[in-house]
N, C-alpha and C. Protein backbone atom coordinates (compact mmCIF):
# COMPACT_ATOMS: atom_id res chain seq x y z
N MET A 1 28.80 36.84 34.33
CA MET A 1 30.32 37.06 33.58
C MET A 1 29.65 37.74 32.26
N ILE A 2 30.48 38.87 32.02
CA ILE A 2 30.23 39.48 30.77
C ILE A 2 30.99 38.81 29.61
N LYS A 3 30.36 38.69 28.52
CA LYS A 3 30.99 37.99 27.22
C LYS A 3 31.44 39.05 26.41
N TYR A 4 32.42 38.71 25.73
CA TYR A 4 33.26 39.72 24.93
C TYR A 4 32.82 39.27 23.26
N LEU A 5 32.71 40.24 22.49
CA LEU A 5 32.65 40.32 21.06
C LEU A 5 33.74 41.25 20.65
N ILE A 6 34.59 40.60 19.85
CA ILE A 6 35.69 41.61 19.20
C ILE A 6 35.14 42.15 17.94
N GLN A 7 35.22 43.59 17.80
CA GLN A 7 34.66 44.04 16.50
C GLN A 7 36.20 44.72 15.96
N ILE A 8 36.68 44.29 14.94
CA ILE A 8 37.89 44.96 14.12
C ILE A 8 37.14 45.94 13.35
N ARG A 9 37.46 47.12 13.49
CA ARG A 9 36.96 48.08 12.39
C ARG A 9 36.27 47.73 11.35
N GLY A 10 35.01 47.84 11.40
CA GLY A 10 34.19 47.59 9.98
C GLY A 10 33.11 48.51 9.85
N ALA A 11 31.75 48.21 9.53
CA ALA A 11 30.90 49.02 9.05
C ALA A 11 30.26 49.89 9.94
N LEU A 12 30.41 49.44 11.26
CA LEU A 12 29.69 50.23 12.34
C LEU A 12 30.44 51.23 12.77
N LYS A 13 29.81 52.45 12.91
CA LYS A 13 30.36 53.67 13.44
C LYS A 13 30.63 53.77 14.95
N PHE A 14 31.56 53.98 15.51
CA PHE A 14 31.57 54.27 16.90
C PHE A 14 30.98 55.56 17.36
N ILE A 15 30.02 55.35 18.30
CA ILE A 15 29.62 56.48 19.05
C ILE A 15 30.04 56.51 20.44
N PRO A 16 30.75 57.66 21.02
CA PRO A 16 31.32 57.73 22.21
C PRO A 16 30.18 57.57 23.25
N VAL A 17 30.37 56.54 24.12
CA VAL A 17 29.33 56.61 25.33
C VAL A 17 30.05 56.57 26.58
N PHE A 18 29.66 57.17 27.44
CA PHE A 18 30.22 57.35 28.82
C PHE A 18 29.41 56.63 29.97
N PHE A 19 29.95 56.32 30.96
CA PHE A 19 29.26 55.44 32.02
C PHE A 19 27.83 55.94 32.38
N PRO A 20 27.67 57.43 32.57
CA PRO A 20 26.24 57.74 33.04
C PRO A 20 25.27 57.35 31.97
N GLU A 21 25.72 57.69 30.72
CA GLU A 21 24.75 57.28 29.60
C GLU A 21 24.27 55.81 29.42
N ILE A 22 25.54 55.16 29.73
CA ILE A 22 25.61 53.54 29.95
C ILE A 22 24.50 53.23 30.92
N GLY A 23 24.50 53.67 32.03
CA GLY A 23 23.48 53.27 33.05
C GLY A 23 22.33 53.85 33.00
N PHE A 24 22.00 55.00 32.08
CA PHE A 24 20.67 55.38 32.06
C PHE A 24 19.93 54.51 30.93
N ALA A 25 21.00 54.11 29.91
CA ALA A 25 20.13 53.19 28.97
C ALA A 25 19.93 51.82 29.41
N LEU A 26 20.71 51.37 30.45
CA LEU A 26 20.58 50.05 31.11
C LEU A 26 19.15 50.12 32.08
N ALA A 27 18.92 51.50 32.69
CA ALA A 27 17.81 51.51 33.62
C ALA A 27 16.52 51.53 32.66
N MET A 28 16.76 52.02 31.61
CA MET A 28 15.39 52.26 30.67
C MET A 28 15.23 50.89 29.60
N GLY A 29 16.31 49.86 29.99
CA GLY A 29 16.23 48.76 29.15
C GLY A 29 16.41 48.86 27.75
N LYS A 30 17.30 50.00 27.26
CA LYS A 30 17.33 50.19 25.90
C LYS A 30 18.86 50.18 25.30
N LEU A 31 20.01 49.61 26.45
CA LEU A 31 21.10 49.28 25.95
C LEU A 31 21.26 48.02 25.20
N MET A 32 21.38 48.07 23.91
CA MET A 32 21.40 46.86 23.15
C MET A 32 22.77 46.20 22.90
N THR A 33 23.60 47.17 22.81
CA THR A 33 25.22 46.67 22.44
C THR A 33 26.20 47.75 23.07
N VAL A 34 27.30 47.36 23.40
CA VAL A 34 28.48 48.23 23.90
C VAL A 34 29.57 47.89 23.16
N HIS A 35 30.25 48.87 22.54
CA HIS A 35 31.63 48.89 21.87
C HIS A 35 32.46 49.80 22.44
N LEU A 36 33.59 49.36 23.25
CA LEU A 36 34.28 50.06 24.13
C LEU A 36 35.73 50.08 23.32
N ASN A 37 36.46 51.30 23.64
CA ASN A 37 37.65 51.61 23.16
C ASN A 37 38.18 53.10 24.00
N ASP A 38 39.10 53.46 23.69
CA ASP A 38 39.53 54.85 24.24
C ASP A 38 40.01 55.78 23.23
N GLN A 39 40.23 57.14 23.86
CA GLN A 39 40.57 58.32 23.03
C GLN A 39 41.24 59.34 23.79
N ASN A 40 41.86 60.22 23.20
CA ASN A 40 42.43 61.34 23.85
C ASN A 40 42.03 62.43 23.13
N GLY A 41 40.81 63.11 23.78
CA GLY A 41 40.33 64.19 23.19
C GLY A 41 39.33 63.87 22.04
N ILE A 42 38.94 64.84 21.42
CA ILE A 42 37.74 64.77 20.51
C ILE A 42 38.26 64.82 18.99
N ARG A 43 39.54 64.76 18.88
CA ARG A 43 40.19 65.25 17.48
C ARG A 43 39.62 64.30 16.49
N TYR A 44 39.55 63.00 16.57
CA TYR A 44 39.00 62.00 15.74
C TYR A 44 38.89 60.64 16.38
N ASP A 45 38.27 59.63 15.74
CA ASP A 45 38.09 58.46 16.48
C ASP A 45 39.17 57.55 16.26
N GLN A 46 39.96 57.62 17.55
CA GLN A 46 41.16 56.99 17.67
C GLN A 46 41.31 55.37 17.80
N ASP A 47 40.21 54.94 18.56
CA ASP A 47 40.01 53.67 18.67
C ASP A 47 41.31 53.12 19.33
N LYS A 48 41.61 53.79 20.58
CA LYS A 48 42.94 53.28 21.08
C LYS A 48 42.20 52.10 22.06
N SER A 49 43.15 51.36 22.66
CA SER A 49 43.00 50.21 23.46
C SER A 49 42.02 50.77 24.70
N PHE A 50 41.10 50.02 25.13
CA PHE A 50 40.17 50.28 26.06
C PHE A 50 41.07 50.50 27.46
N GLY A 51 40.78 51.77 28.04
CA GLY A 51 41.31 51.95 29.47
C GLY A 51 42.52 52.73 29.17
N VAL A 52 43.35 52.89 28.21
CA VAL A 52 44.90 53.33 28.13
C VAL A 52 44.77 54.89 28.28
N GLU A 53 43.74 55.63 28.04
CA GLU A 53 43.71 57.10 28.43
C GLU A 53 43.18 57.40 29.59
N ASN A 54 41.95 56.77 29.89
CA ASN A 54 41.34 57.08 31.36
C ASN A 54 41.01 55.88 31.98
N LEU A 55 41.68 55.28 32.88
CA LEU A 55 41.73 54.18 33.39
C LEU A 55 40.32 54.16 34.51
N ARG A 56 40.19 55.24 35.15
CA ARG A 56 39.04 55.60 35.97
C ARG A 56 37.66 55.44 35.05
N SER A 57 37.56 56.13 34.12
CA SER A 57 36.30 56.19 33.44
C SER A 57 36.13 54.73 32.88
N ALA A 58 37.27 53.95 32.43
CA ALA A 58 37.04 52.59 32.02
C ALA A 58 36.46 51.82 33.18
N PHE A 59 36.87 51.77 34.32
CA PHE A 59 36.63 51.22 35.46
C PHE A 59 35.06 51.55 35.81
N ASN A 60 34.57 52.82 35.66
CA ASN A 60 33.30 53.02 35.99
C ASN A 60 32.55 52.53 34.83
N GLN A 61 32.78 52.43 33.61
CA GLN A 61 32.16 51.88 32.57
C GLN A 61 31.79 50.23 32.93
N VAL A 62 33.06 49.46 33.28
CA VAL A 62 32.78 48.15 33.63
C VAL A 62 31.84 47.91 34.83
N LYS A 63 32.02 49.06 35.95
CA LYS A 63 31.21 48.71 37.01
C LYS A 63 29.81 48.90 36.69
N VAL A 64 29.39 49.86 36.01
CA VAL A 64 27.98 50.13 35.82
C VAL A 64 27.48 48.90 35.20
N LEU A 65 28.03 48.23 33.92
CA LEU A 65 27.70 47.21 33.30
C LEU A 65 27.40 46.01 34.24
N LYS A 66 28.50 45.86 34.95
CA LYS A 66 28.40 44.73 36.03
C LYS A 66 27.27 44.80 37.11
N GLU A 67 27.01 46.12 37.56
CA GLU A 67 26.10 46.27 38.74
C GLU A 67 24.45 46.31 38.06
N ASN A 68 24.52 46.38 36.56
CA ASN A 68 23.18 46.18 36.18
C ASN A 68 22.86 44.99 35.53
N GLY A 69 23.82 44.06 35.72
CA GLY A 69 23.55 42.83 34.97
C GLY A 69 23.84 42.48 33.56
N TYR A 70 24.46 43.46 32.85
CA TYR A 70 24.91 43.39 31.54
C TYR A 70 25.43 42.14 31.22
N GLY A 71 25.02 41.33 30.41
CA GLY A 71 25.73 40.24 29.85
C GLY A 71 24.86 38.92 30.65
N GLU A 72 24.02 39.07 31.40
CA GLU A 72 23.10 37.94 31.92
C GLU A 72 22.18 37.45 31.15
N HIS A 73 21.79 38.30 29.92
CA HIS A 73 20.78 37.86 29.00
C HIS A 73 21.22 37.69 27.70
N GLY A 74 22.58 37.23 27.62
CA GLY A 74 23.21 36.99 26.14
C GLY A 74 23.98 38.29 25.50
N GLU A 75 23.94 39.53 26.39
CA GLU A 75 24.50 40.63 25.79
C GLU A 75 26.02 40.63 25.52
N TYR A 76 26.74 41.35 24.87
CA TYR A 76 28.14 41.17 24.75
C TYR A 76 28.36 42.64 24.61
N VAL A 77 29.90 42.47 25.04
CA VAL A 77 30.64 43.92 25.27
C VAL A 77 31.65 43.69 23.86
N GLY A 78 31.56 44.54 22.98
CA GLY A 78 32.23 44.86 21.85
C GLY A 78 33.47 45.66 22.11
N LEU A 79 34.66 44.96 21.72
CA LEU A 79 36.08 46.08 21.82
C LEU A 79 36.23 46.61 20.55
N ASP A 80 35.82 47.92 20.13
CA ASP A 80 35.82 48.38 18.89
C ASP A 80 37.21 48.98 18.83
N VAL A 81 37.95 48.33 18.21
CA VAL A 81 39.50 48.74 18.05
C VAL A 81 40.19 48.56 16.82
N LYS A 82 41.27 49.23 16.40
CA LYS A 82 42.00 49.01 15.22
C LYS A 82 43.60 49.48 15.67
N ALA A 83 44.47 48.66 15.23
CA ALA A 83 45.68 49.09 15.37
C ALA A 83 46.23 50.30 14.91
N MET A 84 47.39 51.05 15.39
CA MET A 84 47.82 52.32 15.07
C MET A 84 48.32 52.11 13.56
N ARG A 85 48.30 53.26 12.89
CA ARG A 85 48.61 53.15 11.46
C ARG A 85 49.96 52.62 11.28
N THR A 86 50.88 52.95 12.05
CA THR A 86 52.19 52.60 12.13
C THR A 86 52.60 51.48 12.76
N THR A 87 51.66 50.51 13.22
CA THR A 87 52.06 49.33 13.68
C THR A 87 52.39 48.02 12.70
N LYS A 88 53.34 47.49 13.10
CA LYS A 88 53.91 46.41 12.14
C LYS A 88 52.65 45.32 12.02
N ASP A 89 52.47 44.64 11.07
CA ASP A 89 51.51 43.63 10.78
C ASP A 89 51.47 42.54 11.81
N GLU A 90 52.77 42.04 12.01
CA GLU A 90 52.82 41.06 13.24
C GLU A 90 52.50 41.42 14.53
N ASP A 91 52.46 42.77 14.99
CA ASP A 91 51.95 43.36 16.15
C ASP A 91 50.42 43.89 16.23
N SER A 92 49.72 43.76 14.98
CA SER A 92 48.47 44.38 14.98
C SER A 92 47.31 43.63 15.86
N TYR A 93 47.50 42.57 16.41
CA TYR A 93 46.76 42.29 17.34
C TYR A 93 46.82 42.57 18.88
N LYS A 94 48.10 43.13 18.87
CA LYS A 94 48.55 43.55 20.54
C LYS A 94 47.37 44.52 21.08
N HIS A 95 47.00 45.46 20.18
CA HIS A 95 46.22 46.44 20.43
C HIS A 95 44.80 45.63 21.06
N LEU A 96 44.33 44.91 20.38
CA LEU A 96 42.95 44.00 20.76
C LEU A 96 43.28 43.17 21.97
N GLU A 97 44.32 42.46 22.21
CA GLU A 97 44.78 41.92 23.33
C GLU A 97 44.79 42.76 24.66
N ASN A 98 45.44 43.73 24.30
CA ASN A 98 45.50 44.78 25.38
C ASN A 98 44.15 45.25 25.87
N SER A 99 43.28 45.62 25.08
CA SER A 99 41.76 45.86 25.26
C SER A 99 41.21 44.89 26.30
N LEU A 100 41.28 43.70 25.70
CA LEU A 100 40.81 42.58 26.48
C LEU A 100 41.14 42.29 27.95
N LYS A 101 42.61 42.35 28.03
CA LYS A 101 43.27 42.29 29.11
C LYS A 101 42.75 43.25 30.13
N ILE A 102 42.90 44.64 29.89
CA ILE A 102 42.40 45.58 30.62
C ILE A 102 40.98 45.47 31.09
N PHE A 103 40.11 45.16 30.22
CA PHE A 103 38.65 44.92 30.60
C PHE A 103 38.58 43.78 31.57
N LYS A 104 39.26 42.80 31.41
CA LYS A 104 39.06 41.55 32.49
C LYS A 104 39.87 41.93 33.90
N ALA A 105 40.73 42.64 33.72
CA ALA A 105 41.35 43.29 34.93
C ALA A 105 40.49 44.17 35.68
N LEU A 106 39.68 44.95 34.83
CA LEU A 106 38.75 45.93 35.48
C LEU A 106 37.59 45.20 36.11
N GLU A 107 37.17 44.08 35.34
CA GLU A 107 36.29 43.31 35.88
C GLU A 107 36.54 42.57 37.35
N GLU A 108 37.89 42.14 37.37
CA GLU A 108 38.25 41.72 38.69
C GLU A 108 38.14 42.77 39.84
N LYS A 109 38.71 43.94 39.38
CA LYS A 109 38.60 45.20 40.47
C LYS A 109 37.21 45.51 40.88
N VAL A 110 36.08 45.42 39.93
CA VAL A 110 34.91 45.70 40.21
C VAL A 110 34.27 44.54 41.20
N ASP A 111 34.57 43.28 40.99
CA ASP A 111 34.37 42.14 41.89
C ASP A 111 34.95 42.51 43.27
N ARG A 112 35.89 42.94 43.42
CA ARG A 112 36.49 43.17 44.77
C ARG A 112 35.96 44.46 45.52
N PHE A 113 35.14 45.37 44.69
CA PHE A 113 34.88 46.62 45.24
C PHE A 113 33.95 46.59 46.64
N ASP A 114 34.16 47.27 47.49
CA ASP A 114 33.66 47.09 48.76
C ASP A 114 32.47 48.02 48.65
N TYR A 115 31.37 47.61 48.42
CA TYR A 115 30.12 48.52 48.29
C TYR A 115 29.67 48.90 49.82
N ASP A 116 29.81 48.07 50.77
CA ASP A 116 29.70 48.71 52.36
C ASP A 116 30.50 49.93 52.59
N PHE A 117 31.70 49.96 52.11
CA PHE A 117 32.59 51.11 52.30
C PHE A 117 31.89 52.30 51.45
N GLN A 118 31.59 52.02 50.31
CA GLN A 118 31.09 53.02 49.53
C GLN A 118 29.88 53.76 50.06
N LYS A 119 28.78 52.82 50.67
CA LYS A 119 27.65 53.28 51.26
C LYS A 119 27.94 54.20 52.65
N LYS A 120 29.06 53.54 53.42
CA LYS A 120 29.44 54.35 54.44
C LYS A 120 30.04 55.51 54.05
N CYS A 121 30.83 55.72 53.30
CA CYS A 121 31.33 57.03 52.73
C CYS A 121 30.29 58.03 52.14
N VAL A 122 29.33 57.57 51.42
CA VAL A 122 28.06 58.46 50.82
C VAL A 122 27.39 59.08 52.10
N GLU A 123 27.12 58.04 53.06
CA GLU A 123 26.36 58.53 54.24
C GLU A 123 26.92 59.60 55.00
N ASN A 124 28.31 59.43 55.11
CA ASN A 124 29.11 60.37 55.85
C ASN A 124 29.73 61.50 55.20
N ARG A 125 29.26 61.65 53.60
CA ARG A 125 29.69 62.55 52.76
C ARG A 125 31.30 62.68 52.58
N ASP A 126 31.75 61.50 52.75
CA ASP A 126 33.29 61.62 52.74
C ASP A 126 33.64 61.18 51.19
N PHE A 127 33.24 61.91 50.52
CA PHE A 127 33.88 61.51 48.87
C PHE A 127 35.25 61.43 48.55
N GLU A 128 35.97 62.23 49.56
CA GLU A 128 37.41 62.15 49.19
C GLU A 128 37.96 60.65 49.64
N ALA A 129 37.46 60.08 50.69
CA ALA A 129 37.81 58.82 51.06
C ALA A 129 37.42 57.87 50.13
N LEU A 130 36.20 57.95 49.49
CA LEU A 130 35.85 57.10 48.46
C LEU A 130 36.51 57.26 47.24
N GLU A 131 36.81 58.44 46.78
CA GLU A 131 37.81 58.76 45.43
C GLU A 131 38.95 58.02 45.76
N MET A 132 39.72 58.16 46.99
CA MET A 132 40.97 57.34 47.21
C MET A 132 40.90 56.01 47.23
N TYR A 133 39.78 55.54 47.95
CA TYR A 133 39.56 54.11 47.80
C TYR A 133 39.85 53.58 46.45
N VAL A 134 38.96 54.05 45.48
CA VAL A 134 39.00 53.59 44.16
C VAL A 134 40.29 53.68 43.57
N MET A 135 40.89 55.00 43.83
CA MET A 135 42.11 54.97 42.99
C MET A 135 43.24 54.06 43.62
N ASN A 136 43.07 53.60 44.83
CA ASN A 136 44.25 52.61 45.40
C ASN A 136 43.69 51.29 44.91
N LEU A 137 42.29 51.02 44.85
CA LEU A 137 42.09 49.79 44.23
C LEU A 137 42.60 49.53 42.83
N LEU A 138 42.52 50.70 42.05
CA LEU A 138 43.14 50.74 40.76
C LEU A 138 44.40 50.61 40.59
N MET A 139 45.23 51.05 41.37
CA MET A 139 46.64 51.01 41.54
C MET A 139 47.16 49.87 42.03
N GLY A 140 46.40 49.22 43.15
CA GLY A 140 46.76 47.91 43.71
C GLY A 140 47.55 48.38 44.89
N VAL A 141 47.19 49.37 45.51
CA VAL A 141 47.61 50.08 46.72
C VAL A 141 46.91 49.55 47.91
N GLU A 142 47.32 49.12 48.98
CA GLU A 142 46.29 48.55 50.14
C GLU A 142 46.30 49.58 51.06
């Protein structure tokens, strides 16, 4: 099980990391920490709730972490978030709650992922079937 560490905007600067880079760092034994959030484009560091802009990319990030045993040696996933500037004070934690809820839901999707089907699709070079399988999994379509 992956543990969660909540980082509310502090001294650390967010560096965008995508799932291939996460996998490479894991393979080299160099991934020390992960701070996840989401963003729409490269305008500025938006720190939006994890997964709200690109659910597929968020799924891939969670999948590569779980596949490589991230968290088995005490590592944590940080949710690097901040509420939008116009958010009312009493709603400021919804942003964090949403990130954690999405991450946990994606963990469940990864746990249900059919690796035998993936292997079969890759062997048959049927990547469209694999893409649709992942999208159906994320959308809850059987």
